[in-house]
């Protein structure tokens, strides 16, 4: 009977714990630790699928307090909520082919930082990225040319490096986009300089599921 009571009380307290854990303004290092732990569970196929309860859904009707922004590629093989074993309201996800940045993306990041209190932004590239491959191959077909143009500086900066040209560009592009976010005036650069916002670049391995920090 005591054991049953303990389990019942633990279940009842879970939504309260989740609310505290995901309070607005979580420090960047703590948010990064949560992402790392979640990815380790994903790699080991020991996911806990947190924050997917009816209670969590009800809690989020009052507002959102995600602990990280993930700017990732639109590629169907890299869904951030799965990669980081996260749930409802945990991540503010922005997905663009090639994880490129423009004014719309920057405005979305600004919203997450200024209004949702996020202190960590991760730019997540991945191997075998189709958009980066198109940029390396200088593809000129349809609207993808705008994406190719956005990635071209990374193509040039990684050109001639040993190894796979596409993956080298993926890494260079993630780092460059992270830099664009850090230096975006006036809001994001100020948030970085004041010490409250951290922007990191990372790379996702399709085969292992592992996310590796590049900074």
Protein backbone atom coordinates (compact mmCIF):
# COMPACT_ATOMS: atom_id res chain seq x y z
CA UNK A 1 0.00 0.00 0.00
CA UNK A 2 2.84 2.38 0.90
CA UNK A 3 4.59 1.54 -2.38
CA UNK A 4 1.41 2.28 -4.34
CA UNK A 5 0.98 5.59 -2.52
CA UNK A 6 4.58 6.59 -3.29
CA UNK A 7 4.13 5.86 -6.99
CA UNK A 8 0.87 7.82 -7.07
CA UNK A 9 2.44 10.83 -5.37
CA UNK A 10 5.43 10.73 -7.72
CA UNK A 11 3.14 10.75 -10.74
CA UNK A 12 1.15 13.64 -9.31
CA UNK A 13 4.29 15.70 -8.76
CA UNK A 14 5.67 15.13 -12.26
CA UNK A 15 3.94 18.12 -13.92
CA UNK A 16 5.20 20.40 -11.12
CA UNK A 17 8.77 19.16 -11.64
CA UNK A 18 8.46 19.74 -15.38
CA UNK A 19 7.24 23.29 -14.87
CA UNK A 20 10.18 24.09 -12.59
CA UNK A 21 12.68 22.40 -14.90
CA UNK A 22 11.53 24.38 -17.92
CA UNK A 23 11.12 27.76 -16.26
CA UNK A 24 11.85 30.81 -18.40
CA UNK A 25 15.45 31.92 -18.54
CA UNK A 26 17.16 28.57 -17.97
CA UNK A 27 20.96 29.20 -18.11
CA UNK A 28 22.59 28.20 -21.38
CA UNK A 29 24.93 25.64 -19.82
CA UNK A 30 22.04 23.86 -18.11
CA UNK A 31 20.04 23.86 -21.36
CA UNK A 32 23.03 22.44 -23.23
CA UNK A 33 23.37 19.72 -20.60
CA UNK A 34 19.71 18.78 -21.14
CA UNK A 35 20.24 18.57 -24.90
CA UNK A 36 23.37 16.46 -24.44
CA UNK A 37 21.66 14.07 -22.03
CA UNK A 38 18.66 13.74 -24.32
CA UNK A 39 20.86 12.98 -27.33
CA UNK A 40 22.77 10.37 -25.33
CA UNK A 41 19.48 8.64 -24.55
CA UNK A 42 18.53 8.79 -28.23
CA UNK A 43 21.86 7.33 -29.36
CA UNK A 44 21.51 4.49 -26.85
CA UNK A 45 17.83 4.00 -27.83
CA UNK A 46 16.80 4.62 -24.23
CA UNK A 47 14.43 7.50 -24.85
CA UNK A 48 12.11 8.63 -22.06
CA UNK A 49 9.81 10.71 -24.31
CA UNK A 50 9.38 13.44 -21.70
CA UNK A 51 6.71 16.13 -21.56
CA UNK A 52 4.18 14.29 -23.70
CA UNK A 53 1.44 13.98 -21.09
CA UNK A 54 -2.02 15.49 -21.09
CA UNK A 55 -0.96 17.53 -18.05
CA UNK A 56 1.97 18.98 -20.00
CA UNK A 57 -0.32 19.87 -22.91
CA UNK A 58 -2.69 21.65 -20.52
CA UNK A 59 0.18 23.48 -18.86
CA UNK A 60 1.37 24.83 -22.22
CA UNK A 61 -1.95 26.52 -22.93
CA UNK A 62 -0.79 29.18 -20.45
CA UNK A 63 2.40 29.94 -22.35
CA UNK A 64 5.70 28.49 -23.50
CA UNK A 65 9.14 28.45 -21.91
CA UNK A 66 11.39 26.36 -24.18
CA UNK A 67 14.93 25.87 -22.95
CA UNK A 68 16.68 26.01 -26.35
CA UNK A 69 16.32 27.21 -29.92
CA UNK A 70 17.32 24.63 -32.52
CA UNK A 71 17.97 25.98 -36.01
CA UNK A 72 18.12 22.79 -38.04
CA UNK A 73 17.76 21.55 -41.58
CA UNK A 74 14.35 20.67 -43.03
CA UNK A 75 15.70 17.17 -43.78
CA UNK A 76 13.19 14.54 -42.64
CA UNK A 77 15.95 12.46 -41.04
CA UNK A 78 16.86 15.07 -38.43
CA UNK A 79 13.80 15.90 -36.26
CA UNK A 80 15.17 17.80 -33.23
CA UNK A 81 12.51 16.67 -30.76
CA UNK A 82 13.47 13.05 -31.43
CA UNK A 83 17.22 13.64 -31.69
CA UNK A 84 17.25 15.30 -28.27
CA UNK A 85 14.51 13.14 -26.70
CA UNK A 86 12.50 16.26 -25.94
CA UNK A 87 8.77 16.88 -25.63
CA UNK A 88 6.05 19.48 -25.93
CA UNK A 89 7.23 22.99 -25.16
CA UNK A 90 10.88 21.98 -24.66
CA UNK A 91 12.45 23.21 -27.90
CA UNK A 92 11.81 26.23 -30.11
CA UNK A 93 12.51 24.64 -33.49
CA UNK A 94 13.25 26.50 -36.72
CA UNK A 95 13.91 24.36 -39.80
CA UNK A 96 15.25 25.57 -43.13
CA UNK A 97 16.95 23.54 -45.85
CA UNK A 98 20.66 23.86 -45.15
CA UNK A 99 19.90 25.50 -41.78
CA UNK A 100 20.50 28.87 -43.43
CA UNK A 101 19.60 32.18 -41.83
CA UNK A 102 17.64 35.14 -43.18
CA UNK A 103 15.61 37.97 -41.67
CA UNK A 104 12.64 35.70 -41.01
CA UNK A 105 14.82 33.18 -39.16
CA UNK A 106 16.56 35.93 -37.21
CA UNK A 107 13.19 37.38 -36.25
CA UNK A 108 12.09 33.96 -35.02
CA UNK A 109 15.23 33.60 -32.92
CA UNK A 110 14.75 37.10 -31.54
CA UNK A 111 11.22 36.20 -30.49
CA UNK A 112 12.41 33.10 -28.65
CA UNK A 113 15.15 35.04 -26.88
CA UNK A 114 13.27 38.25 -26.09
CA UNK A 115 9.81 36.87 -25.35
CA UNK A 116 10.28 33.22 -24.38
CA UNK A 117 13.46 33.74 -22.37
CA UNK A 118 15.65 31.26 -24.25
CA UNK A 119 19.37 31.47 -23.43
CA UNK A 120 20.73 28.81 -25.82
CA UNK A 121 20.66 28.66 -29.61
CA UNK A 122 22.04 25.64 -31.46
CA UNK A 123 22.67 25.58 -35.21
CA UNK A 124 22.43 21.92 -36.15
CA UNK A 125 23.98 20.75 -39.42
CA UNK A 126 24.06 17.15 -40.56
CA UNK A 127 26.02 14.88 -42.88
CA UNK A 128 24.83 14.24 -46.43
CA UNK A 129 22.82 17.46 -46.42
CA UNK A 130 21.01 17.83 -49.73
CA UNK A 131 21.03 21.62 -49.64
CA UNK A 132 24.76 21.74 -48.96
CA UNK A 133 25.35 19.16 -51.70
CA UNK A 134 23.44 21.41 -54.11
CA UNK A 135 25.58 24.37 -53.06
CA UNK A 136 28.85 22.45 -53.50
CA UNK A 137 27.68 21.33 -56.94
CA UNK A 138 26.49 24.87 -57.82
CA UNK A 139 22.98 23.67 -58.65
CA UNK A 140 20.91 26.23 -60.59
CA UNK A 141 17.35 24.94 -60.66
CA UNK A 142 14.24 26.70 -59.36
CA UNK A 143 14.06 28.40 -55.99
CA UNK A 144 16.77 26.18 -54.53
CA UNK A 145 19.18 28.67 -56.07
CA UNK A 146 18.39 31.05 -53.19
CA UNK A 147 19.49 28.38 -50.72
CA UNK A 148 22.60 27.63 -52.78
CA UNK A 149 23.45 31.33 -52.76
CA UNK A 150 23.09 31.51 -48.97
CA UNK A 151 25.47 28.57 -48.51
CA UNK A 152 28.08 29.72 -51.06
CA UNK A 153 30.28 31.55 -48.50
CA UNK A 154 30.64 28.23 -46.65
CA UNK A 155 31.48 26.46 -49.90
CA UNK A 156 34.29 28.93 -50.51
CA UNK A 157 35.65 28.87 -46.96
CA UNK A 158 35.80 25.06 -46.89
CA UNK A 159 37.10 24.63 -50.43
CA UNK A 160 40.33 22.65 -50.71
CA UNK A 161 40.14 21.14 -47.23
CA UNK A 162 41.05 17.44 -46.99
CA UNK A 163 38.21 14.95 -46.71
CA UNK A 164 34.65 15.03 -47.98
CA UNK A 165 33.80 18.36 -49.59
CA UNK A 166 30.11 18.23 -48.65
CA UNK A 167 30.69 17.40 -44.99
CA UNK A 168 33.44 20.01 -44.74
CA UNK A 169 30.94 22.53 -46.04
CA UNK A 170 28.26 21.29 -43.59
CA UNK A 171 30.62 22.03 -40.69
CA UNK A 172 31.70 25.39 -42.10
CA UNK A 173 28.08 26.36 -42.73
CA UNK A 174 26.92 25.49 -39.20
CA UNK A 175 29.77 27.54 -37.72
CA UNK A 176 29.16 30.48 -40.08
CA UNK A 177 25.41 30.59 -39.40
CA UNK A 178 26.07 30.47 -35.66
CA UNK A 179 28.33 33.48 -36.17
CA UNK A 180 25.63 35.30 -38.13
CA UNK A 181 23.23 34.82 -35.23
CA UNK A 182 25.78 35.96 -32.63
CA UNK A 183 26.52 39.11 -34.64
CA UNK A 184 22.92 39.98 -35.55
CA UNK A 185 22.19 43.57 -34.49
CA UNK A 186 20.71 44.90 -32.40
CA UNK A 187 18.97 42.30 -30.25
CA UNK A 188 20.93 39.05 -30.52
CA UNK A 189 24.43 40.55 -30.45
CA UNK A 190 23.47 42.51 -27.36
CA UNK A 191 22.09 39.37 -25.70
CA UNK A 192 25.37 37.56 -26.40
CA UNK A 193 27.54 40.44 -25.19
CA UNK A 194 25.55 40.79 -22.00
CA UNK A 195 26.33 37.17 -21.17
CA UNK A 196 22.80 35.82 -21.23
CA UNK A 197 22.75 34.16 -24.66
CA UNK A 198 24.98 31.37 -25.96
CA UNK A 199 25.04 30.32 -29.62
CA UNK A 200 26.68 27.03 -30.59
CA UNK A 201 27.15 25.03 -33.78
CA UNK A 202 26.75 21.25 -33.95
CA UNK A 203 26.82 18.35 -36.40
CA UNK A 204 24.47 15.34 -36.56
CA UNK A 205 25.63 11.89 -37.64
CA UNK A 206 22.87 10.11 -39.53
CA UNK A 207 24.12 6.60 -38.78
CA UNK A 208 24.80 6.90 -35.04
CA UNK A 209 22.34 9.67 -34.16
CA UNK A 210 25.07 11.47 -32.23
CA UNK A 211 25.24 15.27 -32.08
CA UNK A 212 28.77 16.68 -31.85
CA UNK A 213 29.41 20.25 -30.73
CA UNK A 214 31.68 22.22 -33.04
CA UNK A 215 32.48 25.09 -30.68
